[in-house]
Amino acid sequence: MARKKISTTVYITPEQSELLKALHERTKVPIAEYIRQGIDLMLEREKHNLPGQQQLLLNMPRPQ
């Protein structure tokens, strides 16, 4: 089942737009899907900066 999506506005450079359009033309994958994937990659990379992550690390048992 697809997850519910919300609408938002994102400003990208003309170069990013052209490259995304070219990628879409070749793959037929919606540009919005590429943007969502890019956001997921960035969130994974920066997850250590997200709220609650420090608390999880503090509660983990230390290896012996």
PDB file of N, CA and C in Angstrom:
ATOM      1  N   MET A   1       0.841  -1.171   0.000  1.00  0.00           N
ATOM      2  CA  MET A   1       0.000   0.000   0.000  1.00  0.00           C
ATOM      3  C   MET A   1       0.893   1.243   0.000  1.00  0.00           C
ATOM      4  N   ALA A   2       0.549   2.213  -0.836  1.00  0.00           N
ATOM      5  CA  ALA A   2       1.336   3.445  -0.921  1.00  0.00           C
ATOM      6  C   ALA A   2       1.104   4.301   0.319  1.00  0.00           C
ATOM      7  N   ARG A   3       2.175   4.943   0.747  1.00  0.00           N
ATOM      8  CA  ARG A   3       2.055   5.855   1.886  1.00  0.00           C
ATOM      9  C   ARG A   3       1.403   7.151   1.433  1.00  0.00           C
ATOM     10  N   LYS A   4       0.667   7.779   2.335  1.00  0.00           N
ATOM     11  CA  LYS A   4       0.054   9.072   2.038  1.00  0.00           C
ATOM     12  C   LYS A   4       1.162  10.106   1.869  1.00  0.00           C
ATOM     13  N   LYS A   5       0.992  10.997   0.926  1.00  0.00           N
ATOM     14  CA  LYS A   5       1.988  12.033   0.653  1.00  0.00           C
ATOM     15  C   LYS A   5       1.380  13.399   0.916  1.00  0.00           C
ATOM     16  N   ILE A   6       2.236  14.339   1.293  1.00  0.00           N
ATOM     17  CA  ILE A   6       1.799  15.720   1.456  1.00  0.00           C
ATOM     18  C   ILE A   6       2.445  16.554   0.364  1.00  0.00           C
ATOM     19  N   SER A   7       1.824  17.644   0.039  1.00  0.00           N
ATOM     20  CA  SER A   7       2.332  18.545  -0.987  1.00  0.00           C
ATOM     21  C   SER A   7       3.236  19.597  -0.353  1.00  0.00           C
ATOM     22  N   THR A   8       4.334  19.902  -1.035  1.00  0.00           N
ATOM     23  CA  THR A   8       5.243  20.943  -0.572  1.00  0.00           C
ATOM     24  C   THR A   8       5.884  21.600  -1.788  1.00  0.00           C
ATOM     25  N   THR A   9       6.479  22.743  -1.596  1.00  0.00           N
ATOM     26  CA  THR A   9       7.170  23.445  -2.672  1.00  0.00           C
ATOM     27  C   THR A   9       8.666  23.346  -2.445  1.00  0.00           C
ATOM     28  N   VAL A  10       9.379  22.973  -3.494  1.00  0.00           N
ATOM     29  CA  VAL A  10      10.834  22.859  -3.433  1.00  0.00           C
ATOM     30  C   VAL A  10      11.406  23.669  -4.591  1.00  0.00           C
ATOM     31  N   TYR A  11      12.387  24.502  -4.304  1.00  0.00           N
ATOM     32  CA  TYR A  11      13.045  25.280  -5.347  1.00  0.00           C
ATOM     33  C   TYR A  11      14.356  24.604  -5.701  1.00  0.00           C
ATOM     34  N   ILE A  12      14.525  24.299  -6.987  1.00  0.00           N
ATOM     35  CA  ILE A  12      15.754  23.680  -7.469  1.00  0.00           C
ATOM     36  C   ILE A  12      16.355  24.562  -8.552  1.00  0.00           C
ATOM     37  N   THR A  13      17.613  24.321  -8.849  1.00  0.00           N
ATOM     38  CA  THR A  13      18.279  25.123  -9.877  1.00  0.00           C
ATOM     39  C   THR A  13      17.792  24.703 -11.263  1.00  0.00           C
ATOM     40  N   PRO A  14      17.950  25.576 -12.250  1.00  0.00           N
ATOM     41  CA  PRO A  14      17.591  25.198 -13.617  1.00  0.00           C
ATOM     42  C   PRO A  14      18.356  23.954 -14.084  1.00  0.00           C
ATOM     43  N   GLU A  15      19.608  23.832 -13.684  1.00  0.00           N
ATOM     44  CA  GLU A  15      20.409  22.670 -14.071  1.00  0.00           C
ATOM     45  C   GLU A  15      19.833  21.388 -13.468  1.00  0.00           C
ATOM     46  N   GLN A  16      19.451  21.454 -12.192  1.00  0.00           N
ATOM     47  CA  GLN A  16      18.842  20.286 -11.548  1.00  0.00           C
ATOM     48  C   GLN A  16      17.541  19.910 -12.254  1.00  0.00           C
ATOM     49  N   SER A  17      16.759  20.906 -12.614  1.00  0.00           N
ATOM     50  CA  SER A  17      15.499  20.664 -13.302  1.00  0.00           C
ATOM     51  C   SER A  17      15.721  19.971 -14.641  1.00  0.00           C
ATOM     52  N   GLU A  18      16.659  20.470 -15.416  1.00  0.00           N
ATOM     53  CA  GLU A  18      16.941  19.879 -16.727  1.00  0.00           C
ATOM     54  C   GLU A  18      17.428  18.439 -16.601  1.00  0.00           C
ATOM     55  N   LEU A  19      18.308  18.187 -15.637  1.00  0.00           N
ATOM     56  CA  LEU A  19      18.818  16.826 -15.450  1.00  0.00           C
ATOM     57  C   LEU A  19      17.716  15.878 -14.973  1.00  0.00           C
ATOM     58  N   LEU A  20      16.866  16.354 -14.076  1.00  0.00           N
ATOM     59  CA  LEU A  20      15.752  15.519 -13.623  1.00  0.00           C
ATOM     60  C   LEU A  20      14.779  15.221 -14.765  1.00  0.00           C
ATOM     61  N   LYS A  21      14.510  16.210 -15.600  1.00  0.00           N
ATOM     62  CA  LYS A  21      13.624  15.994 -16.747  1.00  0.00           C
ATOM     63  C   LYS A  21      14.220  14.973 -17.707  1.00  0.00           C
ATOM     64  N   ALA A  22      15.523  15.079 -17.960  1.00  0.00           N
ATOM     65  CA  ALA A  22      16.192  14.127 -18.850  1.00  0.00           C
ATOM     66  C   ALA A  22      16.138  12.717 -18.266  1.00  0.00           C
ATOM     67  N   LEU A  23      16.366  12.608 -16.965  1.00  0.00           N
ATOM     68  CA  LEU A  23      16.305  11.310 -16.301  1.00  0.00           C
ATOM     69  C   LEU A  23      14.894  10.727 -16.389  1.00  0.00           C
ATOM     70  N   HIS A  24      13.906  11.578 -16.175  1.00  0.00           N
ATOM     71  CA  HIS A  24      12.512  11.143 -16.278  1.00  0.00           C
ATOM     72  C   HIS A  24      12.192  10.652 -17.691  1.00  0.00           C
ATOM     73  N   GLU A  25      12.649  11.366 -18.693  1.00  0.00           N
ATOM     74  CA  GLU A  25      12.385  10.966 -20.077  1.00  0.00           C
ATOM     75  C   GLU A  25      12.965   9.587 -20.384  1.00  0.00           C
ATOM     76  N   ARG A  26      14.138   9.302 -19.849  1.00  0.00           N
ATOM     77  CA  ARG A  26      14.783   8.000 -20.099  1.00  0.00           C
ATOM     78  C   ARG A  26      14.153   6.872 -19.296  1.00  0.00           C
ATOM     79  N   THR A  27      13.761   7.157 -18.056  1.00  0.00           N
ATOM     80  CA  THR A  27      13.329   6.088 -17.154  1.00  0.00           C
ATOM     81  C   THR A  27      11.824   6.032 -16.939  1.00  0.00           C
ATOM     82  N   LYS A  28      11.131   7.119 -17.232  1.00  0.00           N
ATOM     83  CA  LYS A  28       9.688   7.261 -16.977  1.00  0.00           C
ATOM     84  C   LYS A  28       9.348   7.235 -15.488  1.00  0.00           C
ATOM     85  N   VAL A  29      10.358   7.367 -14.634  1.00  0.00           N
ATOM     86  CA  VAL A  29      10.134   7.487 -13.191  1.00  0.00           C
ATOM     87  C   VAL A  29       9.765   8.944 -12.918  1.00  0.00           C
ATOM     88  N   PRO A  30       8.706   9.193 -12.155  1.00  0.00           N
ATOM     89  CA  PRO A  30       8.314  10.579 -11.883  1.00  0.00           C
ATOM     90  C   PRO A  30       9.427  11.365 -11.177  1.00  0.00           C
ATOM     91  N   ILE A  31       9.544  12.628 -11.543  1.00  0.00           N
ATOM     92  CA  ILE A  31      10.545  13.501 -10.917  1.00  0.00           C
ATOM     93  C   ILE A  31      10.324  13.552  -9.409  1.00  0.00           C
ATOM     94  N   ALA A  32       9.077  13.581  -8.981  1.00  0.00           N
ATOM     95  CA  ALA A  32       8.781  13.615  -7.542  1.00  0.00           C
ATOM     96  C   ALA A  32       9.375  12.404  -6.830  1.00  0.00           C
ATOM     97  N   GLU A  33       9.391  11.252  -7.486  1.00  0.00           N
ATOM     98  CA  GLU A  33       9.977  10.056  -6.874  1.00  0.00           C
ATOM     99  C   GLU A  33      11.478  10.230  -6.676  1.00  0.00           C
ATOM    100  N   TYR A  34      12.154  10.812  -7.649  1.00  0.00           N
ATOM    101  CA  TYR A  34      13.591  11.072  -7.491  1.00  0.00           C
ATOM    102  C   TYR A  34      13.845  12.057  -6.347  1.00  0.00           C
ATOM    103  N   ILE A  35      12.992  13.056  -6.227  1.00  0.00           N
ATOM    104  CA  ILE A  35      13.151  14.029  -5.139  1.00  0.00           C
ATOM    105  C   ILE A  35      12.921  13.345  -3.793  1.00  0.00           C
ATOM    106  N   ARG A  36      11.893  12.491  -3.693  1.00  0.00           N
ATOM    107  CA  ARG A  36      11.651  11.755  -2.445  1.00  0.00           C
ATOM    108  C   ARG A  36      12.832  10.856  -2.099  1.00  0.00           C
ATOM    109  N   GLN A  37      13.387  10.176  -3.099  1.00  0.00           N
ATOM    110  CA  GLN A  37      14.548   9.315  -2.853  1.00  0.00           C
ATOM    111  C   GLN A  37      15.746  10.130  -2.374  1.00  0.00           C
ATOM    112  N   GLY A  38      15.938  11.309  -2.961  1.00  0.00           N
ATOM    113  CA  GLY A  38      17.031  12.178  -2.529  1.00  0.00           C
ATOM    114  C   GLY A  38      16.853  12.631  -1.082  1.00  0.00           C
ATOM    115  N   ILE A  39      15.624  12.943  -0.714  1.00  0.00           N
ATOM    116  CA  ILE A  39      15.345  13.334   0.672  1.00  0.00           C
ATOM    117  C   ILE A  39      15.624  12.165   1.608  1.00  0.00           C
ATOM    118  N   ASP A  40      15.195  10.961   1.220  1.00  0.00           N
ATOM    119  CA  ASP A  40      15.455   9.781   2.054  1.00  0.00           C
ATOM    120  C   ASP A  40      16.949   9.549   2.240  1.00  0.00           C
ATOM    121  N   LEU A  41      17.731   9.713   1.177  1.00  0.00           N
ATOM    122  CA  LEU A  41      19.189   9.543   1.286  1.00  0.00           C
ATOM    123  C   LEU A  41      19.790  10.555   2.253  1.00  0.00           C
ATOM    124  N   MET A  42      19.360  11.806   2.153  1.00  0.00           N
ATOM    125  CA  MET A  42      19.878  12.850   3.032  1.00  0.00           C
ATOM    126  C   MET A  42      19.468  12.604   4.483  1.00  0.00           C
ATOM    127  N   LEU A  43      18.225  12.185   4.704  1.00  0.00           N
ATOM    128  CA  LEU A  43      17.766  11.907   6.067  1.00  0.00           C
ATOM    129  C   LEU A  43      18.530  10.742   6.684  1.00  0.00           C
ATOM    130  N   GLU A  44      18.817   9.727   5.900  1.00  0.00           N
ATOM    131  CA  GLU A  44      19.605   8.600   6.399  1.00  0.00           C
ATOM    132  C   GLU A  44      21.013   9.059   6.764  1.00  0.00           C
ATOM    133  N   ARG A  45      21.618   9.865   5.909  1.00  0.00           N
ATOM    134  CA  ARG A  45      22.975  10.356   6.153  1.00  0.00           C
ATOM    135  C   ARG A  45      23.038  11.245   7.393  1.00  0.00           C
ATOM    136  N   GLU A  46      22.001  12.012   7.648  1.00  0.00           N
ATOM    137  CA  GLU A  46      21.989  12.973   8.750  1.00  0.00           C
ATOM    138  C   GLU A  46      21.188  12.497   9.955  1.00  0.00           C
ATOM    139  N   LYS A  47      20.841  11.216  10.008  1.00  0.00           N
ATOM    140  CA  LYS A  47      19.971  10.746  11.090  1.00  0.00           C
ATOM    141  C   LYS A  47      20.562  10.985  12.473  1.00  0.00           C
ATOM    142  N   HIS A  48      21.871  11.078  12.573  1.00  0.00           N
ATOM    143  CA  HIS A  48      22.491  11.344  13.875  1.00  0.00           C
ATOM    144  C   HIS A  48      22.149  12.745  14.389  1.00  0.00           C
ATOM    145  N   ASN A  49      21.696  13.630  13.515  1.00  0.00           N
ATOM    146  CA  ASN A  49      21.312  14.986  13.908  1.00  0.00           C
ATOM    147  C   ASN A  49      19.819  15.125  14.203  1.00  0.00           C
ATOM    148  N   LEU A  50      19.058  14.071  14.003  1.00  0.00           N
ATOM    149  CA  LEU A  50      17.615  14.145  14.215  1.00  0.00           C
ATOM    150  C   LEU A  50      17.277  14.049  15.701  1.00  0.00           C
ATOM    151  N   PRO A  51      16.195  14.705  16.119  1.00  0.00           N
ATOM    152  CA  PRO A  51      15.800  14.642  17.532  1.00  0.00           C
ATOM    153  C   PRO A  51      15.545  13.197  17.957  1.00  0.00           C
ATOM    154  N   GLY A  52      15.931  12.908  19.182  1.00  0.00           N
ATOM    155  CA  GLY A  52      15.693  11.584  19.733  1.00  0.00           C
ATOM    156  C   GLY A  52      16.810  10.599  19.510  1.00  0.00           C
ATOM    157  N   GLN A  53      17.684  10.852  18.548  1.00  0.00           N
ATOM    158  CA  GLN A  53      18.749   9.902  18.257  1.00  0.00           C
ATOM    159  C   GLN A  53      19.761   9.833  19.390  1.00  0.00           C
ATOM    160  N   GLN A  54      20.095  10.958  19.994  1.00  0.00           N
ATOM    161  CA  GLN A  54      21.044  10.959  21.098  1.00  0.00           C
ATOM    162  C   GLN A  54      20.499  10.171  22.278  1.00  0.00           C
ATOM    163  N   GLN A  55      19.216  10.335  22.566  1.00  0.00           N
ATOM    164  CA  GLN A  55      18.613   9.624  23.687  1.00  0.00           C
ATOM    165  C   GLN A  55      18.675   8.120  23.462  1.00  0.00           C
ATOM    166  N   LEU A  56      18.434   7.673  22.238  1.00  0.00           N
ATOM    167  CA  LEU A  56      18.514   6.249  21.940  1.00  0.00           C
ATOM    168  C   LEU A  56      19.918   5.727  22.197  1.00  0.00           C
ATOM    169  N   LEU A  57      20.917   6.484  21.799  1.00  0.00           N
ATOM    170  CA  LEU A  57      22.295   6.057  22.010  1.00  0.00           C
ATOM    171  C   LEU A  57      22.634   6.005  23.494  1.00  0.00           C
ATOM    172  N   LEU A  58      22.120   6.942  24.276  1.00  0.00           N
ATOM    173  CA  LEU A  58      22.399   6.963  25.710  1.00  0.00           C
ATOM    174  C   LEU A  58      21.763   5.775  26.425  1.00  0.00           C
ATOM    175  N   ASN A  59      20.634   5.300  25.929  1.00  0.00           N
ATOM    176  CA  ASN A  59      19.923   4.197  26.567  1.00  0.00           C
ATOM    177  C   ASN A  59      20.435   2.821  26.152  1.00  0.00           C
ATOM    178  N   MET A  60      21.291   2.758  25.152  1.00  0.00           N
ATOM    179  CA  MET A  60      21.802   1.465  24.693  1.00  0.00           C
ATOM    180  C   MET A  60      22.828   0.923  25.684  1.00  0.00           C
ATOM    181  N   PRO A  61      22.779  -0.392  25.950  1.00  0.00           N
ATOM    182  CA  PRO A  61      23.804  -0.968  26.829  1.00  0.00           C
ATOM    183  C   PRO A  61      25.174  -0.911  26.164  1.00  0.00           C
ATOM    184  N   ARG A  62      26.182  -0.659  26.956  1.00  0.00           N
ATOM    185  CA  ARG A  62      27.545  -0.593  26.426  1.00  0.00           C
ATOM    186  C   ARG A  62      28.097  -1.997  26.238  1.00  0.00           C
ATOM    187  N   PRO A  63      28.855  -2.213  25.150  1.00  0.00           N
ATOM    188  CA  PRO A  63      29.474  -3.531  24.960  1.00  0.00           C
ATOM    189  C   PRO A  63      30.508  -3.796  26.048  1.00  0.00           C
ATOM    190  N   GLN A  64      30.613  -5.037  26.473  1.00  0.00           N
ATOM    191  CA  GLN A  64      31.569  -5.421  27.524  1.00  0.00           C
ATOM    192  C   GLN A  64      32.924  -5.716  26.938  1.00  0.00           C
TER     193      GLN A  64
END
